[in-house]
Amino acid sequence: MGNLARIGLSTAAVALFAGCGGSQQIGQTAFPQLQQKGASTPLPGGTVWYPASRPLQRYPESSQPLLYVGDDGQSAVDIFPLTGPNQQQIGTVSNGVDSPWGLSIDANKSLYVANSNTVTVYTYGSTIPSMTYSPIHRALYALADSAGHVFVSGSNNHGVGHVIEFNAGSNQVIAHVKLGSETDGMAEDGQGNLYVAYRGKADGSIAEFGPRLTKKRHLGVRIWAPQGLLVDRTGKIIVVESTQDRIDVFPPGATTPSVTVSIFGIHDLAELAMQNNETTLWVCSEGGYVYSMPYPLTSSTVPTEYEQIGGGSNGIAVSP
């Protein structure tokens, strides 16, 4: 779509679907505008703490699905309806966003943005951060798990990678481990284990952690410049080899990929995103492209262009 007009959330008109009665137009706004004093702290697993004078509006499962794309050139997150390729941009999040990298969504549909020195959290429909985490180093990805914790990956100025753990809603670090020269994509499997893609001096790999970042186990796979990482419901690991412009799929316990899908010419693949139904996989690139492809991947999978933004992008997320 080339350069897209930046349309604030207060001026975009989007039909949201009510849980029982079909489509419903919400005036002339895509989302309700939340008061700054009414910020909330989203907690994974269906719990939200409200310090506001009145509860913030919650959305039914049938609320509009969204595609979020990090826009590094504008220090913003661009928002599109997740209704098919080449849609018009409907919103932008820029408050609290600074050189965004990885994006993720928690079980409450809250958006997590890894910035240069912070991680900011936005409840569905809000452009104002409801929580800000301050990791001790550069943040590259943040993940809220199913047990009420938030993990942040990144690296420091000396080329040391790390993973930091917070209790959701608290800015106090409760666990911290060093890993490789840079850590990036993270994912949780069905048993609550955390997987982290990391880079080393020559190549990279994936590490697995138990609760509180304990029981670290290196999976023994060799990956060149890993970035995006997902684990599907069958335990397969999907990982981006960024500078090789390919996506690899590793079955449980395997050290070589069973499927590889390459996308050339869009300048270094970055992060991955997938909804809970696991029927479509999205990937963004540092060149500002978003591609989609049917999942599970096969040797005959053909990715197709889904969106394009004006600036570079390292982060992508979709509604669950």
C-alpha atoms as a PDB file:
ATOM      1  CA  MET A   1       0.000   0.000   0.000  1.00  0.00           C
ATOM      2  CA  GLY A   2       3.054   2.299   0.124  1.00  0.00           C
ATOM      3  CA  ASN A   3       2.993   5.185   2.559  1.00  0.00           C
ATOM      4  CA  LEU A   4      -0.200   5.050   4.569  1.00  0.00           C
ATOM      5  CA  ALA A   5      -1.971   8.047   6.042  1.00  0.00           C
ATOM      6  CA  ARG A   6      -1.624   8.211   9.808  1.00  0.00           C
ATOM      7  CA  ILE A   7      -5.211   8.206  11.050  1.00  0.00           C
ATOM      8  CA  GLY A   8      -5.674   8.749  14.776  1.00  0.00           C
ATOM      9  CA  LEU A   9      -7.967   6.434  16.660  1.00  0.00           C
ATOM     10  CA  SER A  10     -10.273   9.315  17.494  1.00  0.00           C
ATOM     11  CA  THR A  11     -11.160   9.842  13.818  1.00  0.00           C
ATOM     12  CA  ALA A  12     -11.361   6.339  12.416  1.00  0.00           C
ATOM     13  CA  ALA A  13     -14.805   4.794  12.005  1.00  0.00           C
ATOM     14  CA  VAL A  14     -14.851   1.036  12.505  1.00  0.00           C
ATOM     15  CA  ALA A  15     -17.771  -1.322  13.008  1.00  0.00           C
ATOM     16  CA  LEU A  16     -17.302  -3.487  16.059  1.00  0.00           C
ATOM     17  CA  PHE A  17     -19.293  -6.694  16.436  1.00  0.00           C
ATOM     18  CA  ALA A  18     -21.314  -7.129  19.588  1.00  0.00           C
ATOM     19  CA  GLY A  19     -21.401 -10.559  21.122  1.00  0.00           C
ATOM     20  CA  CYS A  20     -25.097 -11.202  20.476  1.00  0.00           C
ATOM     21  CA  GLY A  21     -26.367  -8.708  17.945  1.00  0.00           C
ATOM     22  CA  GLY A  22     -24.118  -8.449  14.859  1.00  0.00           C
ATOM     23  CA  SER A  23     -22.368  -5.228  13.869  1.00  0.00           C
ATOM     24  CA  GLN A  24     -22.565  -2.067  15.900  1.00  0.00           C
ATOM     25  CA  GLN A  25     -21.197   1.354  14.898  1.00  0.00           C
ATOM     26  CA  ILE A  26     -19.501   3.205  17.736  1.00  0.00           C
ATOM     27  CA  GLY A  27     -20.138   6.809  16.728  1.00  0.00           C
ATOM     28  CA  GLN A  28     -17.254   8.172  14.680  1.00  0.00           C
ATOM     29  CA  THR A  29     -14.456   6.533  16.636  1.00  0.00           C
ATOM     30  CA  ALA A  30     -12.673   3.246  16.234  1.00  0.00           C
ATOM     31  CA  PHE A  31     -12.300   2.891  19.997  1.00  0.00           C
ATOM     32  CA  PRO A  32     -13.451   4.746  23.109  1.00  0.00           C
ATOM     33  CA  GLN A  33     -10.918   7.309  24.294  1.00  0.00           C
ATOM     34  CA  LEU A  34      -9.709   6.436  27.788  1.00  0.00           C
ATOM     35  CA  GLN A  35      -8.960   9.043  30.418  1.00  0.00           C
ATOM     36  CA  GLN A  36      -5.311   9.305  31.387  1.00  0.00           C
ATOM     37  CA  LYS A  37      -6.264   8.928  35.053  1.00  0.00           C
ATOM     38  CA  GLY A  38      -8.232   5.840  34.181  1.00  0.00           C
ATOM     39  CA  ALA A  39      -5.258   3.692  33.233  1.00  0.00           C
ATOM     40  CA  SER A  40      -5.433  -0.004  33.940  1.00  0.00           C
ATOM     41  CA  THR A  41      -2.817  -2.648  34.509  1.00  0.00           C
ATOM     42  CA  PRO A  42      -3.622  -5.725  32.430  1.00  0.00           C
ATOM     43  CA  LEU A  43      -2.812  -9.073  33.974  1.00  0.00           C
ATOM     44  CA  PRO A  44      -2.663 -12.266  31.904  1.00  0.00           C
ATOM     45  CA  GLY A  45      -5.248 -14.957  32.454  1.00  0.00           C
ATOM     46  CA  GLY A  46      -8.410 -12.866  32.434  1.00  0.00           C
ATOM     47  CA  THR A  47      -7.751 -10.488  35.346  1.00  0.00           C
ATOM     48  CA  VAL A  48      -7.577  -6.701  35.042  1.00  0.00           C
ATOM     49  CA  TRP A  49      -6.933  -4.321  37.901  1.00  0.00           C
ATOM     50  CA  TYR A  50      -8.759  -0.968  37.640  1.00  0.00           C
ATOM     51  CA  PRO A  51      -7.508   2.037  39.649  1.00  0.00           C
ATOM     52  CA  ALA A  52      -9.943   4.234  37.684  1.00  0.00           C
ATOM     53  CA  SER A  53     -13.072   5.798  39.126  1.00  0.00           C
ATOM     54  CA  ARG A  54     -15.124   3.639  36.763  1.00  0.00           C
ATOM     55  CA  PRO A  55     -14.297   0.329  35.069  1.00  0.00           C
ATOM     56  CA  LEU A  56     -12.953   0.520  31.545  1.00  0.00           C
ATOM     57  CA  GLN A  57     -15.052  -1.028  28.814  1.00  0.00           C
ATOM     58  CA  ARG A  58     -14.298  -4.668  28.089  1.00  0.00           C
ATOM     59  CA  TYR A  59     -14.764  -6.147  24.668  1.00  0.00           C
ATOM     60  CA  PRO A  60     -16.527  -9.393  23.690  1.00  0.00           C
ATOM     61  CA  GLU A  61     -14.677 -12.173  21.945  1.00  0.00           C
ATOM     62  CA  SER A  62     -16.302 -11.030  18.700  1.00  0.00           C
ATOM     63  CA  SER A  63     -14.729  -7.540  18.870  1.00  0.00           C
ATOM     64  CA  GLN A  64     -12.853  -6.485  15.780  1.00  0.00           C
ATOM     65  CA  PRO A  65      -9.590  -8.402  15.206  1.00  0.00           C
ATOM     66  CA  LEU A  66      -6.605  -6.148  14.571  1.00  0.00           C
ATOM     67  CA  LEU A  67      -3.172  -6.248  12.970  1.00  0.00           C
ATOM     68  CA  TYR A  68      -0.438  -4.207  14.689  1.00  0.00           C
ATOM     69  CA  VAL A  69       2.772  -3.324  12.821  1.00  0.00           C
ATOM     70  CA  GLY A  70       5.719  -1.551  14.430  1.00  0.00           C
ATOM     71  CA  ASP A  71       6.750   1.569  12.496  1.00  0.00           C
ATOM     72  CA  ASP A  72      10.314   2.388  13.469  1.00  0.00           C
ATOM     73  CA  GLY A  73      10.520   5.401  11.173  1.00  0.00           C
ATOM     74  CA  GLN A  74       7.627   7.115  12.990  1.00  0.00           C
ATOM     75  CA  SER A  75       8.244   5.640  16.473  1.00  0.00           C
ATOM     76  CA  ALA A  76       4.699   4.334  16.367  1.00  0.00           C
ATOM     77  CA  VAL A  77       2.570   1.225  15.978  1.00  0.00           C
ATOM     78  CA  ASP A  78       0.291   1.235  12.927  1.00  0.00           C
ATOM     79  CA  ILE A  79      -3.090  -0.495  13.258  1.00  0.00           C
ATOM     80  CA  PHE A  80      -5.062  -2.253  10.504  1.00  0.00           C
ATOM     81  CA  PRO A  81      -8.282  -4.272  10.537  1.00  0.00           C
ATOM     82  CA  LEU A  82      -7.468  -7.971  10.301  1.00  0.00           C
ATOM     83  CA  THR A  83     -10.002  -8.554   7.542  1.00  0.00           C
ATOM     84  CA  GLY A  84      -7.733  -9.309   4.596  1.00  0.00           C
ATOM     85  CA  PRO A  85      -4.748  -7.880   2.736  1.00  0.00           C
ATOM     86  CA  ASN A  86      -4.236  -4.239   1.704  1.00  0.00           C
ATOM     87  CA  GLN A  87      -6.618  -2.671   4.213  1.00  0.00           C
ATOM     88  CA  GLN A  88      -6.626   1.030   5.031  1.00  0.00           C
ATOM     89  CA  GLN A  89      -4.844   1.929   8.253  1.00  0.00           C
ATOM     90  CA  ILE A  90      -7.351   2.739  11.005  1.00  0.00           C
ATOM     91  CA  GLY A  91      -5.171   3.926  13.871  1.00  0.00           C
ATOM     92  CA  THR A  92      -1.774   4.679  15.368  1.00  0.00           C
ATOM     93  CA  VAL A  93      -0.274   4.267  18.829  1.00  0.00           C
ATOM     94  CA  SER A  94       2.599   6.666  19.494  1.00  0.00           C
ATOM     95  CA  ASN A  95       2.228   7.751  23.137  1.00  0.00           C
ATOM     96  CA  GLY A  96       5.122   6.064  24.973  1.00  0.00           C
ATOM     97  CA  VAL A  97       6.482   4.421  21.812  1.00  0.00           C
ATOM     98  CA  ASP A  98      10.178   4.958  21.083  1.00  0.00           C
ATOM     99  CA  SER A  99      12.084   2.959  18.428  1.00  0.00           C
ATOM    100  CA  PRO A 100       9.676  -0.002  18.701  1.00  0.00           C
ATOM    101  CA  TRP A 101      10.962  -3.530  18.175  1.00  0.00           C
ATOM    102  CA  GLY A 102       8.918  -6.603  19.111  1.00  0.00           C
ATOM    103  CA  LEU A 103       5.131  -6.530  19.613  1.00  0.00           C
ATOM    104  CA  SER A 104       2.907  -9.061  21.366  1.00  0.00           C
ATOM    105  CA  ILE A 105      -0.676  -9.483  22.593  1.00  0.00           C
ATOM    106  CA  ASP A 106      -1.738 -11.028  25.906  1.00  0.00           C
ATOM    107  CA  ALA A 107      -4.871 -13.009  26.758  1.00  0.00           C
ATOM    108  CA  ASN A 108      -6.787  -9.759  27.437  1.00  0.00           C
ATOM    109  CA  LYS A 109      -5.947  -8.397  23.943  1.00  0.00           C
ATOM    110  CA  SER A 110      -3.556  -5.850  25.475  1.00  0.00           C
ATOM    111  CA  LEU A 111      -0.657  -4.774  23.261  1.00  0.00           C
ATOM    112  CA  TYR A 112       2.960  -4.963  24.531  1.00  0.00           C
ATOM    113  CA  VAL A 113       5.547  -2.765  22.786  1.00  0.00           C
ATOM    114  CA  ALA A 114       9.283  -3.262  23.358  1.00  0.00           C
ATOM    115  CA  ASN A 115      10.865   0.196  23.093  1.00  0.00           C
ATOM    116  CA  SER A 116      14.451   1.371  23.313  1.00  0.00           C
ATOM    117  CA  ASN A 117      14.425   1.482  27.143  1.00  0.00           C
ATOM    118  CA  THR A 118      10.922   0.476  28.205  1.00  0.00           C
ATOM    119  CA  VAL A 119       8.044  -1.895  27.562  1.00  0.00           C
ATOM    120  CA  THR A 120       4.682  -0.136  27.304  1.00  0.00           C
ATOM    121  CA  VAL A 121       1.297  -1.878  27.572  1.00  0.00           C
ATOM    122  CA  TYR A 122      -1.949  -0.709  25.936  1.00  0.00           C
ATOM    123  CA  THR A 123      -5.368  -2.149  26.708  1.00  0.00           C
ATOM    124  CA  TYR A 124      -7.502  -2.925  23.667  1.00  0.00           C
ATOM    125  CA  GLY A 125      -8.713   0.367  22.211  1.00  0.00           C
ATOM    126  CA  SER A 126      -6.358   2.639  24.168  1.00  0.00           C
ATOM    127  CA  THR A 127      -3.507   4.771  22.857  1.00  0.00           C
ATOM    128  CA  ILE A 128      -2.258   5.628  26.363  1.00  0.00           C
ATOM    129  CA  PRO A 129       0.035   3.177  28.206  1.00  0.00           C
ATOM    130  CA  SER A 130      -1.647   1.381  31.078  1.00  0.00           C
ATOM    131  CA  MET A 131       1.670   0.055  32.394  1.00  0.00           C
ATOM    132  CA  THR A 132       5.344   0.758  31.716  1.00  0.00           C
ATOM    133  CA  TYR A 133       8.076  -1.726  32.546  1.00  0.00           C
ATOM    134  CA  SER A 134      11.657  -0.469  32.812  1.00  0.00           C
ATOM    135  CA  PRO A 135      14.087  -3.279  32.006  1.00  0.00           C
ATOM    136  CA  ILE A 136      17.715  -2.716  32.843  1.00  0.00           C
ATOM    137  CA  HIS A 137      18.833  -2.963  29.197  1.00  0.00           C
ATOM    138  CA  ARG A 138      17.534  -2.483  25.653  1.00  0.00           C
ATOM    139  CA  ALA A 139      14.191  -4.266  25.235  1.00  0.00           C
ATOM    140  CA  LEU A 140      13.613  -6.283  22.057  1.00  0.00           C
ATOM    141  CA  TYR A 141      10.534  -8.354  22.935  1.00  0.00           C
ATOM    142  CA  ALA A 142       8.037  -8.724  25.780  1.00  0.00           C
ATOM    143  CA  LEU A 143       5.745 -11.640  26.547  1.00  0.00           C
ATOM    144  CA  ALA A 144       2.981 -11.980  29.160  1.00  0.00           C
ATOM    145  CA  ASP A 145       2.625 -15.641  30.139  1.00  0.00           C
ATOM    146  CA  SER A 146      -0.392 -17.560  31.399  1.00  0.00           C
ATOM    147  CA  ALA A 147       0.717 -17.436  35.048  1.00  0.00           C
ATOM    148  CA  GLY A 148       0.824 -13.658  35.582  1.00  0.00           C
ATOM    149  CA  HIS A 149       4.395 -12.836  34.614  1.00  0.00           C
ATOM    150  CA  VAL A 150       5.960 -10.605  31.970  1.00  0.00           C
ATOM    151  CA  PHE A 151       9.269 -11.540  30.333  1.00  0.00           C
ATOM    152  CA  VAL A 152      11.485  -9.055  28.495  1.00  0.00           C
ATOM    153  CA  SER A 153      14.339 -10.026  26.175  1.00  0.00           C
ATOM    154  CA  GLY A 154      17.095  -7.800  24.808  1.00  0.00           C
ATOM    155  CA  SER A 155      20.777  -6.960  25.074  1.00  0.00           C
ATOM    156  CA  ASN A 156      23.079  -4.486  26.762  1.00  0.00           C
ATOM    157  CA  ASN A 157      25.684  -2.109  25.368  1.00  0.00           C
ATOM    158  CA  HIS A 158      28.415  -4.725  25.861  1.00  0.00           C
ATOM    159  CA  GLY A 159      26.832  -7.323  23.580  1.00  0.00           C
ATOM    160  CA  VAL A 160      25.364  -9.524  26.317  1.00  0.00           C
ATOM    161  CA  GLY A 161      21.851 -10.906  25.871  1.00  0.00           C
ATOM    162  CA  HIS A 162      19.419 -11.261  28.743  1.00  0.00           C
ATOM    163  CA  VAL A 163      15.916 -12.251  29.803  1.00  0.00           C
ATOM    164  CA  ILE A 164      14.187 -10.371  32.635  1.00  0.00           C
ATOM    165  CA  GLU A 165      11.039 -11.436  34.493  1.00  0.00           C
ATOM    166  CA  PHE A 166       8.461  -9.210  36.217  1.00  0.00           C
ATOM    167  CA  ASN A 167       5.266  -9.933  38.073  1.00  0.00           C
ATOM    168  CA  ALA A 168       2.566  -8.477  35.828  1.00  0.00           C
ATOM    169  CA  GLY A 169       1.665  -4.995  37.014  1.00  0.00           C
ATOM    170  CA  SER A 170       4.897  -4.534  39.002  1.00  0.00           C
ATOM    171  CA  ASN A 171       8.072  -2.850  37.793  1.00  0.00           C
ATOM    172  CA  GLN A 172      10.298  -4.893  40.111  1.00  0.00           C
ATOM    173  CA  VAL A 173      12.581  -7.467  38.463  1.00  0.00           C
ATOM    174  CA  ILE A 174      12.091 -10.906  40.034  1.00  0.00           C
ATOM    175  CA  ALA A 175      14.453 -12.953  37.828  1.00  0.00           C
ATOM    176  CA  HIS A 176      17.269 -12.188  35.393  1.00  0.00           C
ATOM    177  CA  VAL A 177      19.461 -14.453  33.275  1.00  0.00           C
ATOM    178  CA  LYS A 178      22.168 -13.776  30.680  1.00  0.00           C
ATOM    179  CA  LEU A 179      21.960 -15.564  27.351  1.00  0.00           C
ATOM    180  CA  GLY A 180      24.160 -15.197  24.270  1.00  0.00           C
ATOM    181  CA  SER A 181      24.909 -11.818  22.717  1.00  0.00           C
ATOM    182  CA  GLU A 182      21.267 -10.878  22.068  1.00  0.00           C
ATOM    183  CA  THR A 183      17.894 -12.380  22.921  1.00  0.00           C
ATOM    184  CA  ASP A 184      14.833 -11.671  20.834  1.00  0.00           C
ATOM    185  CA  GLY A 185      11.647 -13.671  20.140  1.00  0.00           C
ATOM    186  CA  MET A 186      10.000 -15.593  22.991  1.00  0.00           C
ATOM    187  CA  ALA A 187       7.071 -17.997  23.199  1.00  0.00           C
ATOM    188  CA  GLU A 188       5.346 -20.212  25.752  1.00  0.00           C
ATOM    189  CA  ASP A 189       4.270 -23.802  25.114  1.00  0.00           C
ATOM    190  CA  GLY A 190       1.164 -25.531  26.446  1.00  0.00           C
ATOM    191  CA  GLN A 191       2.998 -26.654  29.595  1.00  0.00           C
ATOM    192  CA  GLY A 192       4.124 -23.139  30.524  1.00  0.00           C
ATOM    193  CA  ASN A 193       7.754 -23.525  29.418  1.00  0.00           C
ATOM    194  CA  LEU A 194       9.401 -20.402  27.997  1.00  0.00           C
ATOM    195  CA  TYR A 195      11.388 -20.566  24.745  1.00  0.00           C
ATOM    196  CA  VAL A 196      13.847 -17.802  23.876  1.00  0.00           C
ATOM    197  CA  ALA A 197      15.641 -17.225  20.570  1.00  0.00           C
ATOM    198  CA  TYR A 198      19.174 -15.935  21.097  1.00  0.00           C
ATOM    199  CA  ARG A 199      22.223 -15.029  19.037  1.00  0.00           C
ATOM    200  CA  GLY A 200      25.849 -15.874  19.695  1.00  0.00           C
ATOM    201  CA  LYS A 201      29.197 -14.822  18.250  1.00  0.00           C
ATOM    202  CA  ALA A 202      28.864 -17.079  15.194  1.00  0.00           C
ATOM    203  CA  ASP A 203      25.275 -18.284  15.142  1.00  0.00           C
ATOM    204  CA  GLY A 204      22.297 -18.638  17.460  1.00  0.00           C
ATOM    205  CA  SER A 205      19.916 -21.138  18.983  1.00  0.00           C
ATOM    206  CA  ILE A 206      16.875 -21.511  21.249  1.00  0.00           C
ATOM    207  CA  ALA A 207      16.834 -22.008  25.017  1.00  0.00           C
ATOM    208  CA  GLU A 208      14.006 -23.408  27.135  1.00  0.00           C
ATOM    209  CA  PHE A 209      13.244 -22.281  30.701  1.00  0.00           C
ATOM    210  CA  GLY A 210      10.988 -23.468  33.475  1.00  0.00           C
ATOM    211  CA  PRO A 211       9.331 -21.233  36.114  1.00  0.00           C
ATOM    212  CA  ARG A 212      11.354 -18.226  37.326  1.00  0.00           C
ATOM    213  CA  LEU A 213      13.796 -18.713  34.433  1.00  0.00           C
ATOM    214  CA  THR A 214      15.123 -21.926  35.971  1.00  0.00           C
ATOM    215  CA  LYS A 215      16.070 -25.287  34.430  1.00  0.00           C
ATOM    216  CA  LYS A 216      17.668 -23.675  31.395  1.00  0.00           C
ATOM    217  CA  ARG A 217      18.077 -26.121  28.515  1.00  0.00           C
ATOM    218  CA  HIS A 218      19.644 -25.422  25.134  1.00  0.00           C
ATOM    219  CA  LEU A 219      17.715 -27.183  22.375  1.00  0.00           C
ATOM    220  CA  GLY A 220      20.784 -27.852  20.238  1.00  0.00           C
ATOM    221  CA  VAL A 221      19.473 -26.220  17.062  1.00  0.00           C
ATOM    222  CA  ARG A 222      21.761 -23.934  15.066  1.00  0.00           C
ATOM    223  CA  ILE A 223      20.083 -20.818  13.676  1.00  0.00           C
ATOM    224  CA  TRP A 224      21.656 -17.852  11.943  1.00  0.00           C
ATOM    225  CA  ALA A 225      20.434 -14.568  13.480  1.00  0.00           C
ATOM    226  CA  PRO A 226      17.124 -15.839  14.974  1.00  0.00           C
ATOM    227  CA  GLN A 227      14.415 -13.294  15.629  1.00  0.00           C
ATOM    228  CA  GLY A 228      10.686 -14.129  15.594  1.00  0.00           C
ATOM    229  CA  LEU A 229       9.639 -17.245  17.548  1.00  0.00           C
ATOM    230  CA  LEU A 230       6.341 -19.103  18.071  1.00  0.00           C
ATOM    231  CA  VAL A 231       5.352 -22.506  19.466  1.00  0.00           C
ATOM    232  CA  ASP A 232       2.181 -24.065  18.039  1.00  0.00           C
ATOM    233  CA  ARG A 233      -0.270 -26.258  19.944  1.00  0.00           C
ATOM    234  CA  THR A 234       1.507 -29.439  18.802  1.00  0.00           C
ATOM    235  CA  GLY A 235       4.830 -28.241  20.217  1.00  0.00           C
ATOM    236  CA  LYS A 236       6.427 -27.334  16.882  1.00  0.00           C
ATOM    237  CA  ILE A 237       8.798 -24.374  17.089  1.00  0.00           C
ATOM    238  CA  ILE A 238       8.515 -21.760  14.329  1.00  0.00           C
ATOM    239  CA  VAL A 239      11.506 -19.415  14.106  1.00  0.00           C
ATOM    240  CA  VAL A 240      12.750 -16.723  11.750  1.00  0.00           C
ATOM    241  CA  GLU A 241      16.327 -16.863  10.491  1.00  0.00           C
ATOM    242  CA  SER A 242      16.411 -13.135   9.879  1.00  0.00           C
ATOM    243  CA  THR A 243      19.405 -12.540   7.631  1.00  0.00           C
ATOM    244  CA  GLN A 244      18.681 -15.766   5.724  1.00  0.00           C
ATOM    245  CA  ASP A 245      15.138 -14.521   4.963  1.00  0.00           C
ATOM    246  CA  ARG A 246      13.521 -17.802   5.886  1.00  0.00           C
ATOM    247  CA  ILE A 247      11.139 -19.360   8.394  1.00  0.00           C
ATOM    248  CA  ASP A 248      12.038 -22.757   9.869  1.00  0.00           C
ATOM    249  CA  VAL A 249       9.745 -25.247  11.611  1.00  0.00           C
ATOM    250  CA  PHE A 250      11.268 -27.659  14.156  1.00  0.00           C
ATOM    251  CA  PRO A 251       9.187 -30.623  15.391  1.00  0.00           C
ATOM    252  CA  PRO A 252       9.492 -31.356  19.139  1.00  0.00           C
ATOM    253  CA  GLY A 253      12.987 -32.666  19.923  1.00  0.00           C
ATOM    254  CA  ALA A 254      14.341 -32.085  16.403  1.00  0.00           C
ATOM    255  CA  THR A 255      17.555 -30.167  15.712  1.00  0.00           C
ATOM    256  CA  THR A 256      16.965 -29.764  11.981  1.00  0.00           C
ATOM    257  CA  PRO A 257      13.867 -28.134  10.468  1.00  0.00           C
ATOM    258  CA  SER A 258      11.161 -30.247   8.865  1.00  0.00           C
ATOM    259  CA  VAL A 259       9.941 -27.319   6.736  1.00  0.00           C
ATOM    260  CA  THR A 260      11.631 -24.153   5.502  1.00  0.00           C
ATOM    261  CA  VAL A 261       9.855 -21.262   3.769  1.00  0.00           C
ATOM    262  CA  SER A 262      11.883 -18.431   2.236  1.00  0.00           C
ATOM    263  CA  ILE A 263      10.775 -14.893   1.343  1.00  0.00           C
ATOM    264  CA  PHE A 264      13.340 -12.859  -0.552  1.00  0.00           C
ATOM    265  CA  GLY A 265      13.541  -9.204  -1.524  1.00  0.00           C
ATOM    266  CA  ILE A 266      11.768  -7.579   1.450  1.00  0.00           C
ATOM    267  CA  HIS A 267      14.895  -6.848   3.538  1.00  0.00           C
ATOM    268  CA  ASP A 268      15.428  -9.200   6.482  1.00  0.00           C
ATOM    269  CA  LEU A 269      12.487 -11.052   7.994  1.00  0.00           C
ATOM    270  CA  ALA A 270      11.735 -10.107  11.593  1.00  0.00           C
ATOM    271  CA  GLU A 271       8.886 -11.145  13.931  1.00  0.00           C
ATOM    272  CA  LEU A 272       6.029 -13.654  13.595  1.00  0.00           C
ATOM    273  CA  ALA A 273       2.372 -13.571  14.611  1.00  0.00           C
ATOM    274  CA  MET A 274      -0.447 -16.107  14.653  1.00  0.00           C
ATOM    275  CA  GLN A 275      -3.985 -16.234  16.049  1.00  0.00           C
ATOM    276  CA  ASN A 276      -5.222 -18.915  18.420  1.00  0.00           C
ATOM    277  CA  ASN A 277      -6.845 -20.866  15.581  1.00  0.00           C
ATOM    278  CA  GLU A 278      -3.365 -21.313  14.024  1.00  0.00           C
ATOM    279  CA  THR A 279      -4.616 -21.215  10.443  1.00  0.00           C
ATOM    280  CA  THR A 280      -2.568 -18.240   9.215  1.00  0.00           C
ATOM    281  CA  LEU A 281       1.002 -17.144   9.926  1.00  0.00           C
ATOM    282  CA  TRP A 282       2.138 -13.550   9.508  1.00  0.00           C
ATOM    283  CA  VAL A 283       5.718 -12.260   9.272  1.00  0.00           C
ATOM    284  CA  CYS A 284       7.046  -8.696   9.018  1.00  0.00           C
ATOM    285  CA  SER A 285      10.310  -7.488   7.575  1.00  0.00           C
ATOM    286  CA  GLU A 286      12.736  -4.694   8.335  1.00  0.00           C
ATOM    287  CA  GLY A 287      11.779  -3.267   4.953  1.00  0.00           C
ATOM    288  CA  GLY A 288       8.254  -2.545   6.203  1.00  0.00           C
ATOM    289  CA  TYR A 289       6.455  -5.469   4.556  1.00  0.00           C
ATOM    290  CA  VAL A 290       3.951  -7.874   6.096  1.00  0.00           C
ATOM    291  CA  TYR A 291       3.418 -11.271   4.464  1.00  0.00           C
ATOM    292  CA  SER A 292       0.880 -13.967   5.324  1.00  0.00           C
ATOM    293  CA  MET A 293       0.740 -17.673   4.574  1.00  0.00           C
ATOM    294  CA  PRO A 294      -1.519 -20.613   5.465  1.00  0.00           C
ATOM    295  CA  TYR A 295      -0.470 -22.675   8.477  1.00  0.00           C
ATOM    296  CA  PRO A 296       0.731 -25.402   8.967  1.00  0.00           C
ATOM    297  CA  LEU A 297       3.595 -24.634   6.608  1.00  0.00           C
ATOM    298  CA  THR A 298       4.533 -27.111   3.895  1.00  0.00           C
ATOM    299  CA  SER A 299       7.239 -27.291   1.248  1.00  0.00           C
ATOM    300  CA  SER A 300       4.729 -25.836  -1.239  1.00  0.00           C
ATOM    301  CA  THR A 301       3.594 -22.894   0.940  1.00  0.00           C
ATOM    302  CA  VAL A 302       3.542 -19.620  -1.023  1.00  0.00           C
ATOM    303  CA  PRO A 303       3.615 -16.440   1.139  1.00  0.00           C
ATOM    304  CA  THR A 304       1.656 -13.439  -0.145  1.00  0.00           C
ATOM    305  CA  GLU A 305       2.010  -9.735   0.595  1.00  0.00           C
ATOM    306  CA  TYR A 306      -0.509  -8.599   3.211  1.00  0.00           C
ATOM    307  CA  GLU A 307       0.428  -4.989   4.056  1.00  0.00           C
ATOM    308  CA  GLN A 308       3.239  -2.499   3.576  1.00  0.00           C
ATOM    309  CA  ILE A 309       4.087   0.485   5.753  1.00  0.00           C
ATOM    310  CA  GLY A 310       6.228   3.505   4.996  1.00  0.00           C
ATOM    311  CA  GLY A 311       8.990   2.807   7.539  1.00  0.00           C
ATOM    312  CA  GLY A 312      10.988  -0.174   8.684  1.00  0.00           C
ATOM    313  CA  SER A 313       9.356  -2.749  10.947  1.00  0.00           C
ATOM    314  CA  ASN A 314      10.682  -5.300  13.409  1.00  0.00           C
ATOM    315  CA  GLY A 315       7.437  -6.042  15.227  1.00  0.00           C
ATOM    316  CA  ILE A 316       4.035  -7.509  14.379  1.00  0.00           C
ATOM    317  CA  ALA A 317       1.092  -8.760  16.423  1.00  0.00           C
ATOM    318  CA  VAL A 318      -2.476  -9.899  15.747  1.00  0.00           C
ATOM    319  CA  SER A 319      -5.540 -10.204  17.925  1.00  0.00           C
ATOM    320  CA  PRO A 320      -5.746 -13.693  19.473  1.00  0.00           C
END
